[in-house]
C-alpha atoms as a PDB file:
ATOM      1  CA  UNK A   1     102.103  -9.601  44.871  1.00  0.00           C
ATOM      2  CA  UNK A   2     105.114  -7.374  45.398  1.00  0.00           C
ATOM      3  CA  UNK A   3     104.988  -3.615  45.888  1.00  0.00           C
ATOM      4  CA  UNK A   4     105.916  -2.737  42.297  1.00  0.00           C
ATOM      5  CA  UNK A   5     103.230  -5.024  40.861  1.00  0.00           C
ATOM      6  CA  UNK A   6     100.656  -3.515  43.220  1.00  0.00           C
ATOM      7  CA  UNK A   7     101.670   0.025  42.247  1.00  0.00           C
ATOM      8  CA  UNK A   8     101.491  -0.880  38.556  1.00  0.00           C
ATOM      9  CA  UNK A   9      98.001  -2.355  39.049  1.00  0.00           C
ATOM     10  CA  UNK A  10      96.824   0.825  40.802  1.00  0.00           C
ATOM     11  CA  UNK A  11      98.328   2.960  38.032  1.00  0.00           C
ATOM     12  CA  UNK A  12      96.616   0.860  35.358  1.00  0.00           C
ATOM     13  CA  UNK A  13      93.263   1.119  37.145  1.00  0.00           C
ATOM     14  CA  UNK A  14      93.630   4.878  37.541  1.00  0.00           C
ATOM     15  CA  UNK A  15      94.636   5.356  33.923  1.00  0.00           C
ATOM     16  CA  UNK A  16      91.623   3.355  32.780  1.00  0.00           C
ATOM     17  CA  UNK A  17      89.293   5.734  34.617  1.00  0.00           C
ATOM     18  CA  UNK A  18      89.468   8.228  31.778  1.00  0.00           C
ATOM     19  CA  UNK A  19      88.819   5.505  29.195  1.00  0.00           C
ATOM     20  CA  UNK A  20      85.768   4.035  30.916  1.00  0.00           C
ATOM     21  CA  UNK A  21      82.965   3.061  28.539  1.00  0.00           C
ATOM     22  CA  UNK A  22      80.531   4.988  30.719  1.00  0.00           C
ATOM     23  CA  UNK A  23      82.070   8.235  29.564  1.00  0.00           C
ATOM     24  CA  UNK A  24      80.245   7.976  26.243  1.00  0.00           C
ATOM     25  CA  UNK A  25      77.450   5.459  26.752  1.00  0.00           C
ATOM     26  CA  UNK A  26      75.140   7.600  28.906  1.00  0.00           C
ATOM     27  CA  UNK A  27      73.821  10.393  26.714  1.00  0.00           C
ATOM     28  CA  UNK A  28      71.444  12.590  28.766  1.00  0.00           C
ATOM     29  CA  UNK A  29      69.329  13.189  25.670  1.00  0.00           C
ATOM     30  CA  UNK A  30      68.610   9.472  25.355  1.00  0.00           C
ATOM     31  CA  UNK A  31      67.704   8.878  29.002  1.00  0.00           C
ATOM     32  CA  UNK A  32      64.072   8.643  30.096  1.00  0.00           C
ATOM     33  CA  UNK A  33      62.993   9.887  33.491  1.00  0.00           C
ATOM     34  CA  UNK A  34      60.198   8.151  35.404  1.00  0.00           C
ATOM     35  CA  UNK A  35      56.730   9.609  34.826  1.00  0.00           C
ATOM     36  CA  UNK A  36      56.490  10.810  38.424  1.00  0.00           C
ATOM     37  CA  UNK A  37      59.387  13.279  38.015  1.00  0.00           C
ATOM     38  CA  UNK A  38      57.829  16.749  37.653  1.00  0.00           C
ATOM     39  CA  UNK A  39      58.982  19.076  34.864  1.00  0.00           C
ATOM     40  CA  UNK A  40      60.393  21.530  37.433  1.00  0.00           C
ATOM     41  CA  UNK A  41      61.246  20.842  41.073  1.00  0.00           C
ATOM     42  CA  UNK A  42      63.665  21.685  43.886  1.00  0.00           C
ATOM     43  CA  UNK A  43      66.467  19.301  44.802  1.00  0.00           C
ATOM     44  CA  UNK A  44      68.639  20.235  47.785  1.00  0.00           C
ATOM     45  CA  UNK A  45      67.619  23.875  47.347  1.00  0.00           C
ATOM     46  CA  UNK A  46      68.412  23.970  43.609  1.00  0.00           C
ATOM     47  CA  UNK A  47      65.806  24.373  40.896  1.00  0.00           C
ATOM     48  CA  UNK A  48      65.937  21.489  38.431  1.00  0.00           C
ATOM     49  CA  UNK A  49      64.130  20.668  35.227  1.00  0.00           C
ATOM     50  CA  UNK A  50      64.122  17.505  33.121  1.00  0.00           C
ATOM     51  CA  UNK A  51      67.224  18.553  31.181  1.00  0.00           C
ATOM     52  CA  UNK A  52      69.295  19.114  34.329  1.00  0.00           C
ATOM     53  CA  UNK A  53      67.911  15.983  35.972  1.00  0.00           C
ATOM     54  CA  UNK A  54      68.939  13.903  32.938  1.00  0.00           C
ATOM     55  CA  UNK A  55      72.444  15.384  33.029  1.00  0.00           C
ATOM     56  CA  UNK A  56      72.715  14.528  36.738  1.00  0.00           C
ATOM     57  CA  UNK A  57      71.437  10.994  36.098  1.00  0.00           C
ATOM     58  CA  UNK A  58      73.911  10.497  33.225  1.00  0.00           C
ATOM     59  CA  UNK A  59      76.731  11.709  35.472  1.00  0.00           C
ATOM     60  CA  UNK A  60      75.734   9.278  38.239  1.00  0.00           C
ATOM     61  CA  UNK A  61      75.493   6.395  35.761  1.00  0.00           C
ATOM     62  CA  UNK A  62      78.959   7.221  34.410  1.00  0.00           C
ATOM     63  CA  UNK A  63      80.376   7.109  37.932  1.00  0.00           C
ATOM     64  CA  UNK A  64      78.732   3.746  38.588  1.00  0.00           C
ATOM     65  CA  UNK A  65      80.091   2.382  35.303  1.00  0.00           C
ATOM     66  CA  UNK A  66      83.573   3.587  36.249  1.00  0.00           C
ATOM     67  CA  UNK A  67      83.430   1.876  39.647  1.00  0.00           C
ATOM     68  CA  UNK A  68      82.118  -1.305  38.018  1.00  0.00           C
ATOM     69  CA  UNK A  69      84.915  -1.239  35.441  1.00  0.00           C
ATOM     70  CA  UNK A  70      87.603  -0.670  38.063  1.00  0.00           C
ATOM     71  CA  UNK A  71      86.300  -3.388  40.385  1.00  0.00           C
ATOM     72  CA  UNK A  72      86.212  -5.853  37.486  1.00  0.00           C
ATOM     73  CA  UNK A  73      89.843  -5.053  36.633  1.00  0.00           C
ATOM     74  CA  UNK A  74      90.872  -5.340  40.261  1.00  0.00           C
ATOM     75  CA  UNK A  75      89.208  -8.758  40.607  1.00  0.00           C
ATOM     76  CA  UNK A  76      90.827  -9.897  37.365  1.00  0.00           C
ATOM     77  CA  UNK A  77      94.243  -8.747  38.583  1.00  0.00           C
ATOM     78  CA  UNK A  78      93.763 -10.458  41.937  1.00  0.00           C
ATOM     79  CA  UNK A  79      92.810 -13.721  40.225  1.00  0.00           C
ATOM     80  CA  UNK A  80      95.764 -13.651  37.848  1.00  0.00           C
ATOM     81  CA  UNK A  81      98.265 -16.485  38.409  1.00  0.00           C
ATOM     82  CA  UNK A  82     101.113 -14.054  39.187  1.00  0.00           C
ATOM     83  CA  UNK A  83      99.020 -12.404  41.920  1.00  0.00           C
ATOM     84  CA  UNK A  84      98.664 -15.711  43.768  1.00  0.00           C
ATOM     85  CA  UNK A  85     102.414 -15.901  44.063  1.00  0.00           C
END
C-alpha cells in the first residue's frame, strides 16, 4: 500500500468515527444496570446515581462500538486486493 492509499484509509476511518452506529444505538434510558448497583454511590470521589451511571455506561458502549467499527474497516482495507500489492 502506498502512502497516499494509507492516508486515504486513515482519513476514511476517522471520518467514519462520527457516523458510528454506536452514536445512536445506546440510549441510557433503555439500559439496565445490574441489581447490585446501589441507587446512589461514590465513584472516584464523584456522587453517582442510576441516571448518571447509565449515561456513563452508554458513553463507554459507544466508544467500544466505535473501536469495533474502525477495526473492522481497517481489517477490511488490509484484506482488500489492492492492499496486498
